[in-house]
Protein backbone atom coordinates (compact mmCIF):
# COMPACT_ATOMS: atom_id res chain seq x y z
CA SER A 1 46.67 47.05 -40.73
CA GLY A 2 44.24 44.53 -39.19
CA ILE A 3 42.22 44.48 -35.96
CA LYS A 4 42.37 41.16 -34.11
CA ARG A 5 39.11 39.49 -33.26
CA MET A 6 38.41 39.40 -29.55
CA VAL A 7 37.82 35.70 -28.92
CA ASN A 8 40.18 34.40 -31.61
CA GLU A 9 43.28 36.52 -32.09
CA GLU A 10 44.46 34.24 -34.89
CA GLU A 11 41.84 35.99 -37.04
CA SER A 12 41.63 39.69 -37.86
CA PHE A 13 39.73 42.00 -40.15
CA PRO A 14 41.07 44.93 -42.23
CA ILE A 15 41.04 48.16 -40.28
CA GLU A 16 39.53 49.93 -43.31
CA GLN A 17 36.36 47.88 -42.74
CA SER A 18 35.75 49.48 -39.34
CA TYR A 19 32.44 51.30 -38.99
CA ILE A 20 32.90 54.37 -36.82
CA ASN A 21 29.66 56.27 -36.20
CA LEU A 22 30.00 59.47 -34.19
CA ALA A 23 27.35 61.86 -32.93
CA ILE A 24 27.55 65.23 -31.23
CA VAL A 25 26.47 65.13 -27.58
CA ASP A 26 24.41 68.08 -26.40
CA ALA A 27 24.58 68.66 -22.63
CA LYS A 28 20.83 69.33 -22.22
CA ASP A 29 20.01 66.40 -24.48
CA GLN A 30 22.28 64.18 -22.38
CA GLN A 31 20.47 65.17 -19.18
CA GLU A 32 17.11 64.39 -20.79
CA LYS A 33 18.39 60.96 -21.85
CA GLU A 34 19.56 60.15 -18.34
CA LYS A 35 16.22 61.30 -16.91
CA LYS A 36 14.29 59.03 -19.31
CA LEU A 37 16.53 56.07 -18.55
CA LYS A 38 15.99 56.55 -14.79
CA GLU A 39 12.22 56.77 -15.31
CA GLN A 40 12.26 53.59 -17.41
CA ASP A 41 14.35 51.80 -14.78
CA GLN A 42 11.91 52.87 -12.05
CA LYS A 43 8.96 51.52 -14.06
CA MET A 44 10.71 48.16 -14.38
CA LYS A 45 11.38 47.98 -10.63
CA GLU A 46 7.77 48.81 -9.78
CA ARG A 47 6.52 46.13 -12.18
CA GLU A 48 8.83 43.56 -10.62
CA LYS A 49 7.44 44.41 -7.15
CA GLN A 50 3.91 43.84 -8.46
CA ASN A 51 5.00 40.55 -10.08
CA ASP A 52 3.92 41.95 -13.45
CA PHE A 53 7.05 40.64 -15.11
CA ASN A 54 7.02 39.62 -18.77
CA LEU A 55 10.47 39.13 -20.32
CA GLU A 56 9.41 39.71 -23.92
CA LYS A 57 7.42 42.80 -22.94
CA GLN A 58 10.34 44.10 -20.88
CA HIS A 59 12.76 43.59 -23.77
CA GLY A 60 10.42 45.45 -26.12
CA GLU A 61 10.13 48.40 -23.76
CA ILE A 62 13.87 48.58 -23.14
CA ILE A 63 14.62 48.52 -26.87
CA GLY A 64 11.85 51.04 -27.54
CA THR A 65 13.29 53.40 -24.93
CA TYR A 66 16.80 52.86 -26.28
CA GLU A 67 15.73 53.74 -29.82
CA GLU A 68 13.69 56.74 -28.65
CA ILE A 69 16.65 58.12 -26.71
CA TYR A 70 19.52 57.21 -29.02
CA GLY A 71 17.85 56.94 -32.40
CA HIS A 72 18.02 60.61 -33.44
CA LYS A 73 21.42 62.24 -33.27
CA THR A 74 23.45 64.81 -35.10
CA SER A 75 26.11 62.70 -36.80
CA ILE A 76 29.62 63.97 -37.56
CA ASP A 77 32.43 62.58 -39.70
CA VAL A 78 35.70 61.58 -38.04
CA GLU A 79 37.59 64.07 -40.21
CA ASN A 80 35.60 67.00 -38.82
CA ILE A 81 35.62 66.42 -35.06
CA PHE A 82 38.09 69.23 -34.33
CA GLN A 83 35.89 71.78 -36.11
CA GLN A 84 33.74 71.80 -32.96
CA CYS A 85 36.70 73.00 -30.84
CA LYS A 86 36.72 76.72 -30.06
CA ASP A 87 39.78 76.89 -27.80
CA GLN A 88 43.39 76.97 -28.98
CA ILE A 89 44.03 73.65 -27.25
CA LYS A 90 41.88 71.14 -29.11
CA LYS A 91 40.32 68.60 -26.76
CA VAL A 92 37.65 66.07 -27.66
CA LEU A 93 35.94 63.60 -25.35
CA ILE A 94 34.68 60.44 -27.05
CA LEU A 95 32.04 58.64 -25.00
CA GLY A 96 30.71 55.15 -25.58
CA ARG A 97 29.17 52.28 -23.68
CA ALA A 98 30.99 48.96 -23.17
CA GLY A 99 31.96 47.22 -26.40
CA ILE A 100 30.80 50.06 -28.65
CA GLY A 101 34.19 50.42 -30.36
CA LYS A 102 36.18 53.08 -28.50
CA SER A 103 39.50 51.24 -28.82
CA THR A 104 38.72 50.37 -32.44
CA PHE A 105 38.12 54.09 -33.05
CA CYS A 106 41.58 54.83 -31.61
CA GLN A 107 43.26 52.25 -33.87
CA TYR A 108 41.26 53.48 -36.85
CA VAL A 109 42.21 57.16 -36.55
CA THR A 110 45.84 56.30 -35.75
CA TYR A 111 46.03 54.15 -38.89
CA ARG A 112 44.42 56.79 -41.09
CA TRP A 113 46.71 59.51 -39.69
CA ALA A 114 49.76 57.33 -40.43
CA LYS A 115 48.54 56.94 -44.02
CA GLY A 116 48.24 60.73 -44.36
CA GLU A 117 44.44 60.66 -44.60
CA LEU A 118 43.64 62.52 -41.37
CA TRP A 119 44.77 65.60 -39.43
CA SER A 120 47.94 66.40 -41.37
CA GLU A 121 48.49 69.45 -39.11
CA TYR A 122 49.99 67.07 -36.54
CA GLU A 123 53.57 65.90 -36.97
CA LEU A 124 53.14 63.19 -34.36
CA LEU A 125 50.22 61.15 -33.05
CA ILE A 126 50.67 59.19 -29.83
CA LEU A 127 48.19 56.48 -28.85
CA ILE A 128 48.27 55.66 -25.13
CA ARG A 129 46.32 52.74 -23.66
CA LEU A 130 45.64 54.24 -20.23
CA ARG A 131 45.22 50.87 -18.52
CA LYS A 132 48.95 50.28 -19.08
CA LEU A 133 49.92 53.31 -16.98
CA THR A 134 50.43 51.36 -13.75
CA SER A 135 52.65 51.81 -10.70
CA SER A 136 54.63 48.71 -11.65
CA ARG A 137 55.69 50.42 -14.90
CA TYR A 138 56.00 53.96 -13.51
CA ARG A 139 57.74 53.73 -10.15
CA ARG A 140 56.87 56.03 -7.27
CA GLY A 141 59.24 58.80 -6.23
CA LYS A 142 59.91 60.13 -9.72
CA ILE A 143 58.49 63.12 -11.60
CA TYR A 144 57.21 62.09 -15.03
CA SER A 145 56.84 64.23 -18.16
CA PRO A 146 55.32 63.59 -21.62
CA ILE A 147 58.69 62.35 -22.92
CA ASN A 148 58.61 59.59 -20.26
CA LEU A 149 55.23 58.45 -21.53
CA LEU A 150 56.52 58.36 -25.09
CA LYS A 151 59.66 56.46 -24.14
CA ASN A 152 58.00 53.94 -21.80
CA GLU A 153 55.17 53.11 -24.20
CA TYR A 154 57.08 53.08 -27.49
CA PHE A 155 60.82 52.83 -26.81
CA PRO A 156 61.17 50.83 -23.57
CA CYS A 157 64.37 49.10 -24.64
CA GLU A 158 66.32 51.98 -26.15
CA ASP A 159 67.51 55.44 -25.20
CA LEU A 160 66.35 58.51 -27.07
CA SER A 161 69.07 60.91 -28.14
CA ALA A 162 69.24 64.49 -26.85
CA GLU A 163 68.29 65.68 -30.34
CA GLN A 164 65.20 63.44 -30.42
CA ILE A 165 64.10 64.60 -26.97
CA GLN A 166 64.55 68.25 -27.93
CA HIS A 167 62.64 67.75 -31.18
CA PHE A 168 59.75 66.13 -29.31
CA LYS A 169 59.62 69.00 -26.79
CA GLU A 170 59.46 71.51 -29.66
CA LEU A 171 56.61 69.60 -31.30
CA CYS A 172 54.70 69.65 -28.01
CA LYS A 173 55.38 73.36 -27.52
CA ASN A 174 54.12 74.13 -31.03
CA HIS A 175 51.01 71.97 -30.57
CA GLN A 176 52.02 69.58 -33.34
CA VAL A 177 51.43 66.46 -31.24
CA LEU A 178 48.03 64.81 -30.91
CA TRP A 179 47.54 62.45 -27.97
CA ILE A 180 44.95 59.67 -28.19
CA LEU A 181 44.16 58.63 -24.60
CA ASP A 182 42.16 55.42 -24.66
CA GLY A 183 40.12 54.02 -21.77
CA TYR A 184 39.74 56.66 -19.07
CA ASP A 185 37.12 54.50 -17.33
CA GLU A 186 39.76 51.75 -16.91
CA PHE A 187 42.16 54.26 -15.35
CA ALA A 188 40.14 56.83 -13.42
CA GLN A 189 39.76 54.88 -10.16
CA SER A 190 43.43 53.94 -9.87
CA ILE A 191 45.55 56.71 -11.40
CA PRO A 192 49.02 56.34 -9.84
CA GLU A 193 49.77 59.44 -7.78
CA GLN A 194 53.09 59.90 -9.56
CA LEU A 195 51.29 60.17 -12.93
CA GLU A 196 48.54 62.59 -11.92
CA ASP A 197 50.51 65.73 -12.88
CA VAL A 198 51.68 64.52 -16.30
CA PHE A 199 48.21 63.15 -17.13
CA LYS A 200 46.65 66.47 -16.15
CA HIS A 201 49.23 68.33 -18.27
CA VAL A 202 48.54 66.22 -21.36
CA ARG A 203 44.77 66.61 -20.94
CA GLU A 204 44.83 70.36 -20.33
CA ALA A 205 47.86 71.68 -22.23
CA GLN A 206 48.18 69.28 -25.19
CA HIS A 207 45.81 68.55 -28.07
CA ASN A 208 44.10 65.29 -27.19
CA ILE A 209 41.24 62.89 -27.71
CA LEU A 210 40.09 61.05 -24.58
CA THR A 211 37.81 57.98 -24.73
CA SER A 212 35.70 56.76 -21.83
CA ARG A 213 32.53 55.03 -20.80
CA PRO A 214 29.99 57.77 -19.97
CA TYR A 215 29.70 57.12 -16.23
CA ALA A 216 33.43 57.45 -15.50
CA ILE A 217 34.05 61.09 -16.22
CA LYS A 218 33.03 64.53 -15.09
CA SER A 219 35.23 66.75 -17.18
CA SER A 220 35.71 70.20 -18.57
CA TYR A 221 35.72 68.98 -22.17
CA ASP A 222 33.59 71.37 -24.20
CA VAL A 223 33.40 69.02 -27.19
CA LYS A 224 31.76 65.69 -26.40
CA LEU A 225 31.06 63.09 -29.04
CA GLU A 226 29.47 59.69 -28.71
CA ILE A 227 30.24 56.48 -30.58
CA THR A 228 26.76 55.29 -31.41
CA GLY A 229 27.48 51.71 -32.46
CA PHE A 230 26.37 49.97 -35.61
CA THR A 231 23.57 51.19 -37.84
CA ASN A 232 21.23 48.59 -39.35
CA ASP A 233 23.23 48.71 -42.60
CA ASN A 234 26.50 48.27 -40.65
CA ILE A 235 25.14 45.09 -39.08
CA VAL A 236 24.33 43.58 -42.47
CA LYS A 237 27.75 44.48 -43.92
CA TYR A 238 29.65 43.28 -40.85
CA VAL A 239 27.92 39.88 -40.84
CA GLU A 240 28.51 39.44 -44.58
CA GLN A 241 32.20 40.40 -44.24
CA PHE A 242 32.67 38.15 -41.19
CA PHE A 243 31.39 35.08 -43.02
CA ASP A 244 33.04 36.00 -46.33
CA GLN A 245 36.33 35.81 -44.47
CA THR A 246 35.55 32.50 -42.75
CA ILE A 247 34.38 30.97 -46.06
CA LYS A 248 37.79 31.76 -47.58
CA GLU A 249 39.73 30.53 -44.54
CA ILE A 250 37.90 27.40 -43.39
CA ASN A 251 35.32 26.67 -46.08
CA THR A 252 32.29 27.70 -44.01
CA ASP A 253 28.75 27.19 -45.32
CA SER A 254 28.11 30.23 -47.55
CA SER A 255 24.46 30.48 -46.40
CA LYS A 256 25.38 31.00 -42.72
CA ALA A 257 25.49 34.80 -43.03
CA GLN A 258 22.01 35.04 -44.55
CA LYS A 259 20.57 32.60 -42.00
CA LEU A 260 21.99 34.66 -39.14
CA LEU A 261 20.74 37.92 -40.65
CA ARG A 262 17.23 36.46 -40.97
CA LEU A 263 17.34 35.49 -37.28
CA LEU A 264 18.66 38.89 -36.21
CA GLU A 265 16.08 40.83 -38.20
CA SER A 266 13.18 38.67 -37.04
CA ASN A 267 13.92 38.97 -33.32
CA SER A 268 13.93 42.36 -31.62
CA SER A 269 15.88 41.07 -28.60
CA ILE A 270 18.88 39.87 -30.60
CA TRP A 271 18.64 42.76 -33.08
CA GLY A 272 18.95 45.27 -30.23
CA VAL A 273 22.00 43.52 -28.74
CA ALA A 274 23.67 43.31 -32.18
CA HIS A 275 24.03 47.10 -32.54
CA ILE A 276 26.95 46.93 -30.08
CA PRO A 277 30.01 45.92 -32.19
CA VAL A 278 31.62 43.62 -29.62
CA ASN A 279 28.31 41.80 -29.14
CA LEU A 280 27.91 41.28 -32.88
CA GLU A 281 31.41 39.80 -33.11
CA LEU A 282 30.52 37.38 -30.30
CA ILE A 283 27.20 36.48 -31.96
CA CYS A 284 28.93 35.82 -35.31
CA SER A 285 31.65 33.73 -33.64
CA LEU A 286 29.04 31.70 -31.76
CA TRP A 287 26.86 31.25 -34.84
CA ASN A 288 29.86 30.16 -36.91
CA ASN A 289 30.67 27.42 -34.42
CA ASN A 290 27.26 26.36 -33.13
CA ASP A 291 24.17 28.14 -34.45
CA ARG A 292 21.94 26.27 -31.99
CA LYS A 293 23.43 28.37 -29.18
CA ILE A 294 21.67 31.55 -30.37
CA THR A 295 18.35 31.59 -28.52
CA THR A 296 15.28 33.66 -29.34
CA VAL A 297 15.70 35.78 -26.19
CA LEU A 298 19.37 36.67 -26.04
CA THR A 299 20.42 38.56 -22.91
CA MET A 300 23.96 39.76 -22.28
CA THR A 301 24.37 37.08 -19.61
CA VAL A 302 23.29 34.29 -21.99
CA LEU A 303 25.59 35.62 -24.73
CA TYR A 304 28.67 35.74 -22.48
CA ASP A 305 27.89 32.38 -20.85
CA ASN A 306 27.66 30.81 -24.30
CA ILE A 307 30.95 32.37 -25.38
CA ILE A 308 32.67 31.11 -22.22
CA GLU A 309 31.31 27.61 -22.87
CA TRP A 310 32.61 27.80 -26.44
CA GLN A 311 36.04 28.95 -25.20
CA CYS A 312 36.06 26.03 -22.74
CA ARG A 313 35.29 23.59 -25.55
CA ARG A 314 38.13 25.05 -27.66
CA TYR A 315 40.40 24.70 -24.63
CA LEU A 316 39.43 21.03 -24.18
CA THR A 317 40.14 20.42 -27.86
CA LYS A 318 43.65 21.83 -27.40
CA LYS A 319 44.11 19.38 -24.52
CA ASN A 320 42.90 16.51 -26.76
CA ILE A 321 39.82 15.94 -24.58
CA ASN A 322 36.71 14.87 -26.47
CA HIS A 323 33.77 17.15 -25.61
CA GLU A 324 31.36 16.60 -28.50
CA ASP A 325 28.83 14.67 -26.41
CA LEU A 326 29.29 16.67 -23.21
CA MET A 327 26.47 18.79 -21.78
CA THR A 328 27.22 22.37 -20.73
CA GLN A 329 27.63 21.52 -17.03
CA ASP A 330 29.99 18.65 -17.89
CA VAL A 331 32.15 21.08 -19.88
CA TYR A 332 32.20 23.46 -16.91
CA ASP A 333 33.13 20.58 -14.58
CA LYS A 334 36.12 19.66 -16.74
CA CYS A 335 37.28 23.31 -16.66
CA ASN A 336 36.29 23.87 -13.03
CA ALA A 337 39.71 24.94 -11.70
CA GLU A 338 40.34 27.30 -14.62
CA LEU A 339 36.89 28.91 -14.43
CA GLN A 340 36.99 29.31 -10.64
CA PHE A 341 40.37 31.01 -10.92
CA LEU A 342 39.27 33.34 -13.73
CA GLU A 343 36.09 34.29 -11.87
CA TYR A 344 37.94 34.93 -8.62
CA LEU A 345 40.73 36.85 -10.38
CA ALA A 346 38.16 39.01 -12.18
CA PHE A 347 36.38 39.75 -8.90
CA LYS A 348 39.64 40.49 -7.10
CA GLY A 349 40.67 42.89 -9.87
CA MET A 350 37.34 44.73 -9.64
CA GLN A 351 37.72 44.96 -5.85
CA CYS A 352 41.17 46.54 -6.28
CA ASP A 353 40.04 48.77 -9.19
CA GLU A 354 42.68 47.10 -11.33
CA ILE A 355 42.36 46.34 -15.03
CA MET A 356 46.03 45.45 -15.50
CA LEU A 357 46.52 42.61 -13.02
CA THR A 358 49.99 42.65 -11.48
CA PRO A 359 52.04 39.54 -10.63
CA ALA A 360 51.25 40.27 -6.96
CA ILE A 361 47.47 40.11 -7.58
CA LEU A 362 47.96 36.92 -9.58
CA LYS A 363 49.95 35.33 -6.75
CA GLU A 364 47.37 36.37 -4.14
CA ALA A 365 44.59 34.82 -6.23
CA LYS A 366 46.56 31.57 -6.61
CA ASP A 367 47.34 31.49 -2.88
CA ASP A 368 43.68 32.10 -1.99
CA LEU A 369 42.69 29.10 -4.12
CA LYS A 370 45.36 26.69 -2.89
CA SER A 371 43.04 23.70 -3.18
CA LEU A 372 42.88 24.15 -6.97
CA ALA A 373 45.62 23.12 -9.40
CA ILE A 374 46.23 26.45 -11.14
CA ASP A 375 48.39 26.39 -14.27
CA ILE A 376 48.67 29.95 -15.63
CA PRO A 377 50.18 29.01 -19.05
CA GLN A 378 47.30 26.56 -19.55
CA ILE A 379 44.67 29.12 -18.49
CA LEU A 380 46.04 31.58 -21.05
CA LYS A 381 45.19 29.04 -23.75
CA MET A 382 41.50 29.61 -23.02
CA GLY A 383 41.75 33.00 -24.74
CA ILE A 384 39.96 34.93 -21.98
CA LEU A 385 43.01 36.12 -19.98
CA LYS A 386 45.99 37.69 -21.74
CA SER A 387 49.55 38.30 -20.53
CA TYR A 388 51.51 41.48 -21.11
CA ASP A 389 55.27 41.63 -20.60
CA ASP A 390 56.29 45.10 -19.46
CA THR A 391 59.89 44.29 -18.57
CA ALA A 392 62.78 45.54 -20.70
CA THR A 393 64.51 42.15 -20.80
CA GLY A 394 61.40 40.06 -21.38
CA THR A 395 60.37 36.98 -19.41
CA GLN A 396 58.92 33.60 -20.28
CA ASN A 397 57.61 33.08 -16.74
CA GLN A 398 53.89 33.90 -16.98
CA THR A 399 53.59 34.60 -13.24
CA GLU A 400 56.04 37.52 -13.62
CA LYS A 401 53.92 39.24 -16.28
CA GLN A 402 51.01 41.64 -16.08
CA HIS A 403 47.68 40.14 -17.09
CA TYR A 404 44.37 41.53 -18.32
CA PHE A 405 41.04 40.17 -19.54
CA VAL A 406 40.47 40.20 -23.28
CA HIS A 407 37.77 42.85 -22.75
CA LEU A 408 36.58 44.70 -19.66
CA SER A 409 33.09 43.30 -20.22
CA PHE A 410 34.51 39.76 -19.78
CA GLN A 411 36.07 40.75 -16.46
CA GLU A 412 32.77 42.24 -15.30
CA HIS A 413 30.83 39.13 -16.36
CA LEU A 414 33.25 36.71 -14.69
CA ALA A 415 33.30 38.81 -11.51
CA ALA A 416 29.48 38.68 -11.45
CA ARG A 417 29.61 34.88 -11.83
CA HIS A 418 31.94 34.70 -8.82
CA LEU A 419 29.63 36.91 -6.78
CA LEU A 420 26.63 34.77 -7.79
CA SER A 421 28.41 31.58 -6.71
CA ILE A 422 29.12 33.14 -3.29
CA LEU A 423 25.47 34.15 -2.87
CA MET A 424 24.23 30.72 -3.93
CA SER A 425 26.60 28.91 -1.54
CA THR A 426 25.51 31.27 1.27
CA ASN A 427 21.84 30.49 0.60
CA LYS A 428 22.56 26.75 0.72
CA ALA A 429 24.25 27.20 4.11
CA PHE A 430 20.96 28.48 5.51
């Protein structure tokens, strides 16, 4: 009943401590928001052309616009989301930006349903991570049905009896199954052709909740909700709980939480970033290990670069390499092969519209970087790339497994680093 932390899976926090804030999305309101964001973006571009560029001023305006657009919403409790549905088939679209907590929401409602605290009208709730629906796991040339999804995702190594299959079909027919479909944005660009029909059936004919980043979907969902991230009170409670746990586990300085909160509240740049749950976890992890790494102007790039440096230092520790006196660039140099591979793999995955990276993509990436000594089992120890064994028999050979980045935002950041290195090397050539 715990949710693993992103950059250190050895630690977790109780699922009951999740803060899920939902708001009703009004179509006209959404269009107004998008219009304001475009206007704000245009103002920034014009200012850059005129060389009237002040980072602090820009941050203030971005945060001001963000709060103006997203600060006033009609909130709704998780328990009541289906009350908005008018059709017989209940369908809810949950939108949220990167790192806002869409997957945490899915785990949270699944856990509460299993405890009998939510939606007792459903006999079965099925959580599907859409990124796992790949062609390597669902072969071409076969017609798939909802029972195939259930079996492949939950019972890959055993056969369901005829009675179990019939019972499941009756539950579906009587609308007693709720499907939680997580991560449409990670799936939309590369839906295997052989899964299009069953995915369409589940979305249109079965009760379901679909989560997605806002840009990825144009749908017929009448009920749209948005995960709005942490409130100010949520931030305070999360930080206190994070450091309460680390105090118990590794005897951390008990004043660290209050020191971090004072920094967050006194700096609008960091305070704005901290409302995104995944960012706050990264900030807390960084602060717990090296509070000097939190700068007064914290951009997303700086945050992720600092986390990657921290992960590299942890990796060097595991290899018994002393890094205490090393500068950032020296740390990167010692992890050069691993970082180049991760950056190239992330970029290659984005090029192919792949979140789940197949053994074939992994091999291609290794072959393209022949000059580097790539050791996949060692790279996995960095905690940025994860392996996923989707074979029935199981395999210890990491190159035969599917892989994915610990969070899509890490893949995007690493891919951007690769692209930047290409551009910089091109400039040097001229």
